[in-house]
């Protein structure tokens, strides 16, 4: 971007920092508005807004937000969750809990509507599909039984199908073959227009896209019906169907109801498809676009103790294990040894004991994978563990204990212990997707500097607006003063001509006294000196 390469952690950190700053501004504005309301309703006390603003600033009230609950797709692997945690740390946030998005949606719905039974949450967002099967008890215990999904399947896939269809129409009707490499701006406009068309066709039977001054044409139009969009989306809908059906089969549960989450579920065909697959009652009366955020807020209330009647028991989406040599294998074949099985309840801690394969082996190298296949290469590689300092001994005599621990934050921690000495040895994850502490610290400092510069820029903008407001006010006062002077001279002329008819009032006398008092401070109603926070 602009000749510079960014990691996904940096991009997500930018978004999180933006959200945090917006939240802090919102909280500050709410406090200020409430304070103004109290002062204004207190009776005869009247203060200028600038004075109230300065008073609040002097109080040193802290609106800094550090602790946060973040939601992630339930089917994220451990590296993706670690990347999210790294992004939060870079943005100056501390994750109190990583919450799976379908679980957050179930929590939000259960808070506003009482229900119990086996529940399926279908979360179809822009880029991911998540399915969670929960057993919800009347005591508001949310126990996740199984999860499934596809982290590369979502509403954006339908957008891409629609874009390809429109590009074919442009080539057929305008004779122009537009590509990202040659028509990047046109493709960007087309991407936004196609997404809007998909959204509109969720509520109307037919919609016409209009792009002005497109490809040197005054106007390009393209009309599509809801039925045609559903036909274009069929390959994507088939993938959604297969993923949902597999998850339901794996759960071995009889579903009582389901809820649809994510803006992509607003498409009527998606709701019809889920009714066909699940054949249970669809729980409505929720906003599919905001229900996950509401669930995250409720989880925050649970962690702070403000909400006490909810318990969430989430599960591990993928099996976790290490690579070992097959027993009685002369060819040194390798296989998976699973420590934590898929759909195990979080938090969980499992240990297993292994031994050396060579005489006088001083170092044990362990490869960690996440997945369901017994063939390591078919799973997702998470990292490499190294345990050194092992005393020399014949093969098969040393006992190495490996422990996998997943906390409530869904993050995997691994330790290794040499059972001969019972001393824990340090284990380093060398997977390239994990940021080093040095890189995180450097990026975190860069974000702090950027945040300080942004705050300073906002303060300068606020002072600029205050100056412009003052200038406008002073111009009005100058105009009114000049008008008063003109009226005064007209009145004075009349008085000098008809002195016997002039009777001064107390108000006129008071105003003349005020003008004398103010004359040393104001010139035509404008302060002779201006002082702001940067002076």
Protein backbone atom coordinates (compact mmCIF):
# COMPACT_ATOMS: atom_id res chain seq x y z
CA UNK A 1 0.00 0.00 0.00
CA UNK A 2 1.70 3.18 -1.17
CA UNK A 3 4.88 1.21 -1.77
CA UNK A 4 4.92 -0.14 1.79
CA UNK A 5 4.15 -3.67 2.95
CA UNK A 6 1.98 -4.26 6.03
CA UNK A 7 1.29 -7.38 8.07
CA UNK A 8 -2.29 -8.23 8.91
CA UNK A 9 -1.54 -7.55 12.60
CA UNK A 10 -0.70 -3.93 11.76
CA UNK A 11 -3.89 -3.44 9.74
CA UNK A 12 -6.09 -4.92 12.47
CA UNK A 13 -4.24 -2.84 15.10
CA UNK A 14 -5.07 0.31 13.12
CA UNK A 15 -8.75 -0.65 13.18
CA UNK A 16 -8.71 -1.47 16.89
CA UNK A 17 -6.96 1.78 17.74
CA UNK A 18 -9.52 3.73 15.69
CA UNK A 19 -12.39 1.98 17.50
CA UNK A 20 -10.80 2.59 20.91
CA UNK A 21 -10.30 6.31 20.25
CA UNK A 22 -13.89 6.63 19.04
CA UNK A 23 -15.15 4.87 22.17
CA UNK A 24 -13.09 7.15 24.42
CA UNK A 25 -14.39 10.26 22.62
CA UNK A 26 -17.93 8.98 22.97
CA UNK A 27 -17.53 8.39 26.72
CA UNK A 28 -16.04 11.85 27.19
CA UNK A 29 -18.86 13.50 25.23
CA UNK A 30 -21.45 11.62 27.29
CA UNK A 31 -19.89 12.87 30.56
CA UNK A 32 -19.68 16.44 29.23
CA UNK A 33 -23.28 16.41 28.01
CA UNK A 34 -24.50 15.08 31.34
CA UNK A 35 -22.49 17.72 33.21
CA UNK A 36 -23.88 20.52 31.01
CA UNK A 37 -27.39 19.18 31.59
CA UNK A 38 -26.95 19.21 35.37
CA UNK A 39 -25.54 22.76 35.36
CA UNK A 40 -28.26 24.09 33.09
CA UNK A 41 -30.98 22.53 35.25
CA UNK A 42 -29.50 23.82 38.49
CA UNK A 43 -31.49 27.06 38.46
CA UNK A 44 -29.98 30.50 37.95
CA UNK A 45 -26.41 29.28 37.34
CA UNK A 46 -25.38 30.11 33.79
CA UNK A 47 -21.87 29.58 32.43
CA UNK A 48 -20.39 29.90 28.93
CA UNK A 49 -19.66 26.57 27.19
CA UNK A 50 -15.95 27.44 27.00
CA UNK A 51 -15.79 27.85 30.78
CA UNK A 52 -17.51 24.50 31.35
CA UNK A 53 -15.19 22.81 28.82
CA UNK A 54 -12.10 24.23 30.57
CA UNK A 55 -13.46 23.10 33.95
CA UNK A 56 -13.87 19.50 32.76
CA UNK A 57 -10.39 19.49 31.20
CA UNK A 58 -8.85 20.65 34.48
CA UNK A 59 -10.43 17.75 36.38
CA UNK A 60 -8.10 15.33 34.61
CA UNK A 61 -10.84 12.75 34.09
CA UNK A 62 -9.51 9.56 32.51
CA UNK A 63 -11.45 8.11 29.60
CA UNK A 64 -8.72 5.65 28.62
CA UNK A 65 -9.93 2.17 27.68
CA UNK A 66 -7.44 -0.68 27.97
CA UNK A 67 -9.37 -3.85 28.81
CA UNK A 68 -11.40 -5.28 25.95
CA UNK A 69 -13.46 -8.28 24.90
CA UNK A 70 -12.83 -9.22 21.28
CA UNK A 71 -14.87 -11.62 19.19
CA UNK A 72 -13.34 -13.93 16.60
CA UNK A 73 -14.76 -16.55 14.23
CA UNK A 74 -15.26 -19.83 16.08
CA UNK A 75 -13.27 -21.67 13.42
CA UNK A 76 -10.14 -19.52 13.80
CA UNK A 77 -7.03 -21.59 14.43
CA UNK A 78 -4.56 -20.83 17.20
CA UNK A 79 -2.25 -18.74 15.02
CA UNK A 80 -5.13 -16.53 13.90
CA UNK A 81 -6.18 -15.99 17.51
CA UNK A 82 -2.61 -15.19 18.49
CA UNK A 83 -2.43 -12.68 15.64
CA UNK A 84 -5.57 -11.01 17.00
CA UNK A 85 -4.02 -10.84 20.47
CA UNK A 86 -0.83 -9.33 19.01
CA UNK A 87 -2.89 -6.71 17.15
CA UNK A 88 -4.64 -5.73 20.36
CA UNK A 89 -1.32 -5.40 22.22
CA UNK A 90 0.08 -3.20 19.44
CA UNK A 91 -3.00 -0.97 19.70
CA UNK A 92 -2.48 -0.62 23.46
CA UNK A 93 -5.30 -2.96 24.48
CA UNK A 94 -5.42 -5.86 26.92
CA UNK A 95 -7.70 -8.71 25.89
CA UNK A 96 -9.76 -9.90 28.84
CA UNK A 97 -11.34 -12.59 26.71
CA UNK A 98 -11.50 -13.79 23.12
CA UNK A 99 -15.10 -14.78 22.52
CA UNK A 100 -16.32 -16.87 19.61
CA UNK A 101 -18.79 -14.85 17.55
CA UNK A 102 -21.65 -17.40 17.46
CA UNK A 103 -21.38 -17.76 21.24
CA UNK A 104 -21.58 -13.98 21.61
CA UNK A 105 -24.70 -13.95 19.43
CA UNK A 106 -26.36 -16.65 21.55
CA UNK A 107 -25.55 -14.70 24.72
CA UNK A 108 -27.03 -11.50 23.28
CA UNK A 109 -30.23 -13.21 22.17
CA UNK A 110 -30.64 -15.02 25.48
CA UNK A 111 -30.29 -11.72 27.34
CA UNK A 112 -33.35 -10.22 25.62
CA UNK A 113 -35.41 -13.38 25.00
CA UNK A 114 -35.72 -16.32 27.38
CA UNK A 115 -35.24 -19.71 25.71
CA UNK A 116 -33.63 -23.09 26.32
CA UNK A 117 -32.75 -26.20 24.35
CA UNK A 118 -30.35 -27.13 21.58
CA UNK A 119 -29.55 -24.06 19.51
CA UNK A 120 -27.69 -23.66 16.21
CA UNK A 121 -26.06 -20.30 15.50
CA UNK A 122 -25.36 -19.70 11.80
CA UNK A 123 -22.96 -16.78 11.45
CA UNK A 124 -22.41 -15.79 7.81
CA UNK A 125 -20.36 -12.61 7.63
CA UNK A 126 -18.45 -10.92 4.85
CA UNK A 127 -15.56 -13.38 4.83
CA UNK A 128 -16.27 -16.26 7.22
CA UNK A 129 -18.93 -18.87 7.96
CA UNK A 130 -19.26 -20.06 11.57
CA UNK A 131 -21.65 -22.63 12.97
CA UNK A 132 -21.96 -23.38 16.68
CA UNK A 133 -24.26 -25.91 18.33
CA UNK A 134 -25.11 -24.94 21.91
CA UNK A 135 -27.08 -26.47 24.74
CA UNK A 136 -28.76 -23.55 26.51
CA UNK A 137 -30.12 -24.26 29.99
CA UNK A 138 -32.86 -22.30 31.70
CA UNK A 139 -30.29 -21.08 34.23
CA UNK A 140 -28.61 -19.16 31.35
CA UNK A 141 -25.76 -21.65 31.00
CA UNK A 142 -24.47 -21.58 27.42
CA UNK A 143 -22.58 -24.81 26.74
CA UNK A 144 -21.09 -25.07 23.26
CA UNK A 145 -21.18 -28.68 22.10
CA UNK A 146 -19.55 -28.42 18.69
CA UNK A 147 -18.37 -25.86 16.16
CA UNK A 148 -17.73 -25.87 12.44
CA UNK A 149 -17.28 -23.48 9.61
CA UNK A 150 -15.08 -22.14 6.85
CA UNK A 151 -12.82 -19.14 7.38
CA UNK A 152 -12.68 -18.56 3.60
CA UNK A 153 -16.41 -18.45 2.86
CA UNK A 154 -18.76 -15.50 3.25
CA UNK A 155 -20.86 -12.80 1.67
CA UNK A 156 -17.86 -11.36 -0.18
CA UNK A 157 -17.76 -14.56 -2.27
CA UNK A 158 -21.22 -13.69 -3.58
CA UNK A 159 -19.94 -10.18 -4.32
CA UNK A 160 -17.12 -11.65 -6.41
CA UNK A 161 -19.54 -13.83 -8.40
CA UNK A 162 -21.68 -10.76 -9.08
CA UNK A 163 -18.65 -8.69 -10.12
CA UNK A 164 -17.55 -11.36 -12.59
CA UNK A 165 -21.07 -11.45 -14.02
CA UNK A 166 -21.14 -7.65 -14.51
CA UNK A 167 -17.66 -7.68 -16.07
CA UNK A 168 -18.92 -10.22 -18.62
CA UNK A 169 -21.88 -7.93 -19.35
CA UNK A 170 -19.55 -4.94 -19.85
CA UNK A 171 -17.39 -6.92 -22.27
CA UNK A 172 -20.44 -8.13 -24.22
CA UNK A 173 -22.17 -4.74 -24.44
CA UNK A 174 -19.34 -2.20 -24.35
CA UNK A 175 -16.52 -4.28 -25.81
CA UNK A 176 -14.20 -3.45 -22.90
CA UNK A 177 -12.38 -6.16 -20.97
CA UNK A 178 -11.76 -4.54 -17.58
CA UNK A 179 -9.18 -6.04 -15.22
CA UNK A 180 -7.70 -5.08 -11.87
CA UNK A 181 -4.31 -4.47 -13.49
CA UNK A 182 -5.61 -2.05 -16.13
CA UNK A 183 -8.81 -0.60 -14.62
CA UNK A 184 -8.22 -0.51 -10.85
CA UNK A 185 -10.43 2.53 -10.23
CA UNK A 186 -13.30 1.13 -12.29
CA UNK A 187 -13.03 -2.22 -10.51
CA UNK A 188 -13.13 -0.44 -7.12
CA UNK A 189 -16.30 1.45 -8.11
CA UNK A 190 -17.81 -1.75 -9.49
CA UNK A 191 -17.03 -3.63 -6.27
CA UNK A 192 -18.91 -1.06 -4.17
CA UNK A 193 -21.81 -0.96 -6.62
CA UNK A 194 -22.14 -4.75 -6.69
CA UNK A 195 -22.14 -4.99 -2.90
CA UNK A 196 -24.87 -2.34 -2.78
CA UNK A 197 -26.86 -4.21 -5.43
CA UNK A 198 -26.66 -7.41 -3.38
CA UNK A 199 -27.88 -5.52 -0.31
CA UNK A 200 -30.76 -3.90 -2.22
CA UNK A 201 -31.87 -7.22 -3.69
CA UNK A 202 -32.41 -8.53 -0.17
CA UNK A 203 -35.54 -6.36 0.03
CA UNK A 204 -36.64 -5.72 -3.59
CA UNK A 205 -37.36 -8.08 -6.49
CA UNK A 206 -35.32 -6.10 -9.03
CA UNK A 207 -32.62 -3.45 -8.87
CA UNK A 208 -30.76 -1.31 -11.42
CA UNK A 209 -27.14 -0.33 -10.86
CA UNK A 210 -26.17 3.12 -12.18
CA UNK A 211 -22.57 4.26 -12.61
CA UNK A 212 -22.09 7.79 -13.93
CA UNK A 213 -19.06 8.66 -16.08
CA UNK A 214 -17.96 5.03 -16.21
CA UNK A 215 -15.50 3.82 -18.88
CA UNK A 216 -15.84 7.12 -20.76
CA UNK A 217 -19.61 6.67 -20.91
CA UNK A 218 -22.04 9.22 -19.40
CA UNK A 219 -23.96 6.44 -17.68
CA UNK A 220 -23.65 2.68 -17.34
CA UNK A 221 -26.67 0.74 -16.08
CA UNK A 222 -27.13 -2.90 -15.21
CA UNK A 223 -30.35 -4.53 -14.02
CA UNK A 224 -30.60 -7.75 -12.05
CA UNK A 225 -33.46 -9.60 -10.38
CA UNK A 226 -33.42 -11.34 -7.02
CA UNK A 227 -33.90 -14.71 -8.75
CA UNK A 228 -30.90 -14.07 -11.04
CA UNK A 229 -28.71 -13.18 -8.04
CA UNK A 230 -29.74 -16.41 -6.31
CA UNK A 231 -28.81 -18.37 -9.44
CA UNK A 232 -25.40 -16.67 -9.57
CA UNK A 233 -24.90 -17.45 -5.87
CA UNK A 234 -25.72 -21.15 -6.18
CA UNK A 235 -22.08 -22.40 -6.01
CA UNK A 236 -21.57 -20.38 -2.81
CA UNK A 237 -24.90 -21.57 -1.38
CA UNK A 238 -23.89 -25.18 -2.05
CA UNK A 239 -20.68 -24.69 -0.06
CA UNK A 240 -22.68 -23.13 2.79
CA UNK A 241 -25.12 -26.06 2.74
CA UNK A 242 -22.34 -28.67 2.88
CA UNK A 243 -20.58 -26.94 5.78
CA UNK A 244 -23.75 -26.51 7.85
CA UNK A 245 -24.92 -30.09 7.25
CA UNK A 246 -21.53 -31.50 8.24
CA UNK A 247 -21.45 -29.52 11.48
CA UNK A 248 -24.97 -30.64 12.43
CA UNK A 249 -24.11 -34.29 11.68
CA UNK A 250 -20.95 -34.10 13.79
CA UNK A 251 -22.87 -32.65 16.74
CA UNK A 252 -25.31 -35.62 16.97
CA UNK A 253 -27.88 -33.18 18.35
CA UNK A 254 -31.58 -32.70 17.71
CA UNK A 255 -31.96 -28.98 17.22
CA UNK A 256 -34.87 -27.07 18.74
CA UNK A 257 -34.18 -23.68 17.16
CA UNK A 258 -31.60 -21.60 15.32
CA UNK A 259 -30.62 -17.96 14.85
CA UNK A 260 -29.07 -16.24 11.84
CA UNK A 261 -26.16 -13.87 12.43
CA UNK A 262 -24.20 -11.66 10.05
CA UNK A 263 -25.41 -9.25 7.39
CA UNK A 264 -25.07 -11.88 4.64
CA UNK A 265 -27.96 -13.79 6.26
CA UNK A 266 -30.29 -10.93 5.27
CA UNK A 267 -30.49 -12.49 1.81
CA UNK A 268 -33.87 -14.27 1.63
CA UNK A 269 -32.35 -17.32 -0.08
CA UNK A 270 -29.99 -17.85 2.90
CA UNK A 271 -32.90 -17.94 5.34
CA UNK A 272 -34.81 -20.34 3.07
CA UNK A 273 -31.75 -22.57 2.79
CA UNK A 274 -31.32 -22.73 6.58
CA UNK A 275 -35.01 -23.56 7.07
CA UNK A 276 -34.62 -26.44 4.62
CA UNK A 277 -31.46 -27.80 6.27
CA UNK A 278 -32.22 -27.37 9.97
CA UNK A 279 -36.02 -27.76 10.05
CA UNK A 280 -36.33 -26.07 13.42
CA UNK A 281 -37.80 -22.83 14.70
CA UNK A 282 -35.92 -19.72 13.61
CA UNK A 283 -35.52 -17.22 16.46
CA UNK A 284 -35.93 -13.72 15.09
CA UNK A 285 -36.24 -10.23 16.61
CA UNK A 286 -32.48 -9.65 16.56
CA UNK A 287 -30.27 -7.41 14.45
CA UNK A 288 -27.91 -9.83 12.65
CA UNK A 289 -25.39 -7.04 12.07
CA UNK A 290 -24.97 -5.92 15.70
CA UNK A 291 -25.89 -8.97 17.79
CA UNK A 292 -22.25 -10.15 18.07
CA UNK A 293 -21.09 -6.75 19.36
CA UNK A 294 -23.94 -6.80 21.87
CA UNK A 295 -22.81 -10.22 23.06
CA UNK A 296 -19.24 -8.95 23.50
CA UNK A 297 -20.54 -6.09 25.64
CA UNK A 298 -22.54 -8.52 27.77
CA UNK A 299 -19.46 -10.71 28.21
CA UNK A 300 -17.62 -7.61 29.42
CA UNK A 301 -20.41 -7.09 31.95
CA UNK A 302 -19.98 -10.70 33.09
CA UNK A 303 -16.23 -10.22 33.59
CA UNK A 304 -16.74 -7.01 35.61
CA UNK A 305 -19.42 -8.61 37.77
CA UNK A 306 -22.24 -6.36 36.55
CA UNK A 307 -23.98 -9.36 34.99
CA UNK A 308 -24.00 -12.45 37.18
CA UNK A 309 -26.59 -14.83 35.78
CA UNK A 310 -24.76 -16.06 32.67
CA UNK A 311 -22.15 -18.82 32.28
CA UNK A 312 -20.42 -19.58 28.97
CA UNK A 313 -18.71 -22.91 28.30
CA UNK A 314 -17.01 -22.72 24.90
CA UNK A 315 -15.12 -25.43 23.02
CA UNK A 316 -11.92 -25.98 21.05
CA UNK A 317 -12.68 -25.84 17.30
CA UNK A 318 -9.74 -28.04 16.20
CA UNK A 319 -7.82 -30.98 17.68
CA UNK A 320 -4.31 -30.20 18.95
CA UNK A 321 -1.33 -32.50 19.13
CA UNK A 322 2.31 -33.16 18.34
CA UNK A 323 4.17 -35.28 15.80
CA UNK A 324 5.70 -38.55 17.03
CA UNK A 325 7.42 -41.48 15.38
CA UNK A 326 5.16 -44.46 14.74
CA UNK A 327 5.74 -47.34 17.09
CA UNK A 328 7.53 -50.33 15.61
CA UNK A 329 8.20 -48.32 12.45
CA UNK A 330 11.50 -49.15 10.79
CA UNK A 331 10.93 -46.49 8.13
CA UNK A 332 10.68 -43.70 10.70
CA UNK A 333 7.13 -42.86 9.67
CA UNK A 334 5.48 -40.09 11.65
CA UNK A 335 1.96 -39.64 12.95
CA UNK A 336 -0.09 -37.31 15.14
CA UNK A 337 -0.46 -37.76 18.89
CA UNK A 338 -3.49 -35.70 19.94
CA UNK A 339 -3.53 -34.14 23.42
CA UNK A 340 -6.72 -32.07 23.08
CA UNK A 341 -9.60 -33.37 21.00
CA UNK A 342 -11.87 -31.18 18.92
CA UNK A 343 -14.96 -29.79 20.71
CA UNK A 344 -13.36 -30.16 24.16
CA UNK A 345 -14.74 -27.63 26.64
CA UNK A 346 -12.64 -24.54 27.40
CA UNK A 347 -10.74 -24.00 29.65
CA UNK A 348 -8.84 -27.27 29.39
CA UNK A 349 -5.43 -28.63 30.36
CA UNK A 350 -4.06 -31.97 29.12
CA UNK A 351 -0.68 -33.62 29.59
CA UNK A 352 1.02 -36.58 27.98
CA UNK A 353 4.40 -38.24 28.48
CA UNK A 354 6.88 -39.01 25.69
CA UNK A 355 10.38 -40.40 25.49
CA UNK A 356 13.57 -40.05 23.44
CA UNK A 357 14.18 -42.03 20.22
CA UNK A 358 18.00 -41.93 20.18
CA UNK A 359 20.75 -42.88 22.61
CA UNK A 360 22.25 -39.90 24.49
CA UNK A 361 19.66 -37.55 22.98
CA UNK A 362 20.15 -34.08 24.53
CA UNK A 363 17.45 -32.13 22.67
CA UNK A 364 13.84 -33.01 21.92
CA UNK A 365 12.22 -31.19 19.01
CA UNK A 366 8.42 -31.24 18.98
CA UNK A 367 6.23 -30.07 16.13
CA UNK A 368 2.72 -28.88 17.03
CA UNK A 369 -0.18 -29.20 14.62
CA UNK A 370 -3.87 -28.35 14.66
CA UNK A 371 -6.34 -30.46 12.71
CA UNK A 372 -8.15 -33.77 12.50
CA UNK A 373 -5.90 -35.88 10.25
CA UNK A 374 -3.45 -38.43 11.66
CA UNK A 375 -1.08 -37.41 8.84
CA UNK A 376 0.78 -34.31 10.11
CA UNK A 377 1.17 -32.65 6.70
CA UNK A 378 -2.61 -32.49 6.23
CA UNK A 379 -3.04 -30.39 9.38
CA UNK A 380 -2.22 -26.77 10.16
CA UNK A 381 1.28 -26.25 11.53
CA UNK A 382 1.34 -24.06 14.66
CA UNK A 383 4.95 -24.09 15.76
CA UNK A 384 8.08 -25.91 16.85
CA UNK A 385 9.03 -26.61 20.45
CA UNK A 386 12.60 -27.20 21.61
CA UNK A 387 13.50 -28.76 24.95
CA UNK A 388 17.21 -28.92 25.68
CA UNK A 389 19.51 -29.81 28.56
CA UNK A 390 18.49 -33.48 28.73
CA UNK A 391 21.04 -35.71 30.47
CA UNK A 392 22.55 -38.47 28.26
CA UNK A 393 20.72 -41.81 28.52
CA UNK A 394 19.72 -44.79 26.32
CA UNK A 395 16.81 -44.27 23.95
CA UNK A 396 13.37 -44.76 25.49
CA UNK A 397 14.44 -44.17 29.09
CA UNK A 398 13.90 -40.43 29.47
CA UNK A 399 10.40 -39.17 30.32
CA UNK A 400 9.33 -35.83 28.84
CA UNK A 401 5.98 -34.43 29.95
CA UNK A 402 4.25 -32.06 27.52
CA UNK A 403 1.30 -29.97 28.67
CA UNK A 404 -1.26 -28.18 26.49
CA UNK A 405 -3.26 -25.49 28.31
CA UNK A 406 -6.07 -23.44 26.77
CA UNK A 407 -7.46 -20.70 29.00
CA UNK A 408 -10.75 -18.83 28.86
CA UNK A 409 -9.15 -16.46 26.37
CA UNK A 410 -8.89 -19.37 23.87
CA UNK A 411 -5.09 -19.02 23.67
CA UNK A 412 -2.89 -22.12 23.71
CA UNK A 413 0.07 -22.23 26.12
CA UNK A 414 2.54 -25.11 26.02
CA UNK A 415 5.13 -26.16 28.59
CA UNK A 416 7.53 -29.09 28.78
CA UNK A 417 9.07 -30.76 31.84
CA UNK A 418 11.96 -33.19 32.15
CA UNK A 419 10.56 -35.66 34.69
CA UNK A 420 14.01 -36.74 35.89
CA UNK A 421 14.67 -33.35 37.48
CA UNK A 422 11.05 -32.05 37.52
CA UNK A 423 12.43 -28.76 36.29
CA UNK A 424 10.42 -26.98 33.60
CA UNK A 425 12.40 -26.02 30.54
CA UNK A 426 11.66 -22.98 28.43
CA UNK A 427 9.82 -23.61 25.20
CA UNK A 428 9.97 -21.23 22.26
CA UNK A 429 7.41 -21.11 19.48
CA UNK A 430 9.32 -20.49 16.27
CA UNK A 431 6.35 -20.38 13.88
CA UNK A 432 6.86 -17.47 11.47
CA UNK A 433 3.32 -16.17 11.86
CA UNK A 434 3.96 -15.19 15.47
CA UNK A 435 5.44 -11.74 16.08
CA UNK A 436 8.53 -11.47 18.24
CA UNK A 437 8.30 -9.42 21.47
CA UNK A 438 10.77 -6.91 19.99
CA UNK A 439 8.61 -6.31 16.91
CA UNK A 440 5.44 -5.96 19.00
CA UNK A 441 7.13 -3.49 21.32
CA UNK A 442 8.46 -1.43 18.39
CA UNK A 443 5.11 -1.35 16.62
CA UNK A 444 3.35 -0.57 19.88
CA UNK A 445 5.59 2.48 20.40
CA UNK A 446 4.94 3.60 16.83
CA UNK A 447 1.19 3.38 17.48
CA UNK A 448 1.56 5.39 20.72
CA UNK A 449 3.46 8.10 18.84
CA UNK A 450 0.83 8.12 16.11
CA UNK A 451 -1.94 8.32 18.70
CA UNK A 452 -0.22 11.27 20.40
CA UNK A 453 0.15 13.04 17.04
CA UNK A 454 -3.52 12.36 16.27
CA UNK A 455 -4.60 13.75 19.65
CA UNK A 456 -2.46 16.85 19.13
CA UNK A 457 -3.90 17.32 15.66
CA UNK A 458 -7.43 17.08 17.06
CA UNK A 459 -6.62 19.63 19.75
CA UNK A 460 -5.21 22.01 17.15
CA UNK A 461 -8.35 21.53 15.07
CA UNK A 462 -10.48 22.24 18.14
CA UNK A 463 -8.58 25.47 18.82
CA UNK A 464 -8.95 26.42 15.16
CA UNK A 465 -12.70 25.94 15.40
CA UNK A 466 -12.78 27.99 18.61
CA UNK A 467 -10.90 30.80 16.88
CA UNK A 468 -13.22 30.70 13.86
CA UNK A 469 -16.22 30.72 16.20
CA UNK A 470 -14.75 33.67 18.11
CA UNK A 471 -14.03 35.53 14.87
CA UNK A 472 -17.62 35.05 13.77
CA UNK A 473 -18.86 36.21 17.19
CA UNK A 474 -16.54 39.22 17.20
CA UNK A 475 -17.60 40.23 13.69
CA UNK A 476 -21.20 40.16 14.83
CA UNK A 477 -20.33 42.25 17.87
CA UNK A 478 -18.42 44.72 15.71
CA UNK A 479 -21.40 45.05 13.41
CA UNK A 480 -23.80 45.52 16.30
CA UNK A 481 -21.43 48.02 17.97
CA UNK A 482 -21.06 50.05 14.79
CA UNK A 483 -24.85 50.03 14.44
CA UNK A 484 -25.19 51.18 18.06
CA UNK A 485 -22.68 53.97 17.49
CA UNK A 486 -24.55 55.11 14.41
CA UNK A 487 -27.84 55.07 16.32
CA UNK A 488 -26.18 56.91 19.20
CA UNK A 489 -24.97 59.71 16.96
CA UNK A 490 -28.38 59.97 15.33
CA UNK A 491 -29.96 60.13 18.78
CA UNK A 492 -27.32 62.61 19.96
CA UNK A 493 -28.03 64.85 16.97
CA UNK A 494 -31.72 64.78 17.76
CA UNK A 495 -31.02 65.47 21.44
CA UNK A 496 -28.84 68.49 20.68
CA UNK A 497 -31.62 69.86 18.53
CA UNK A 498 -34.39 69.10 21.05
CA UNK A 499 -32.74 69.00 24.49
CA UNK A 500 -35.94 69.92 26.27
CA UNK A 501 -37.56 66.61 25.17
CA UNK A 502 -34.76 64.25 26.35
CA UNK A 503 -35.19 62.29 29.60
CA UNK A 504 -32.32 59.78 30.31
CA UNK A 505 -33.22 56.35 31.76
CA UNK A 506 -31.45 54.18 34.36
CA UNK A 507 -30.78 51.52 31.69
CA UNK A 508 -29.00 54.03 29.45
CA UNK A 509 -26.88 55.16 32.35
CA UNK A 510 -25.95 51.55 33.29
CA UNK A 511 -24.95 50.72 29.73
CA UNK A 512 -22.74 53.77 29.47
CA UNK A 513 -21.00 52.74 32.71
CA UNK A 514 -20.41 49.22 31.34
CA UNK A 515 -18.86 50.62 28.18
CA UNK A 516 -16.35 52.56 30.25
CA UNK A 517 -15.51 49.47 32.31
CA UNK A 518 -14.99 47.28 29.22
CA UNK A 519 -13.08 49.76 27.11
CA UNK A 520 -9.67 48.76 28.53
CA UNK A 521 -10.27 45.06 27.81
CA UNK A 522 -12.26 45.11 24.60
CA UNK A 523 -11.97 47.01 21.40
CA UNK A 524 -15.32 46.92 19.65
CA UNK A 525 -16.26 43.88 21.72
CA UNK A 526 -13.09 41.97 20.77
CA UNK A 527 -10.50 40.97 23.45
CA UNK A 528 -7.20 42.78 23.02
CA UNK A 529 -5.30 39.53 23.83
CA UNK A 530 -6.14 35.91 22.95
CA UNK A 531 -4.79 32.99 24.99
CA UNK A 532 -5.35 29.28 24.15
CA UNK A 533 -3.95 26.00 25.45
CA UNK A 534 -0.93 26.18 23.09
CA UNK A 535 0.16 29.72 24.03
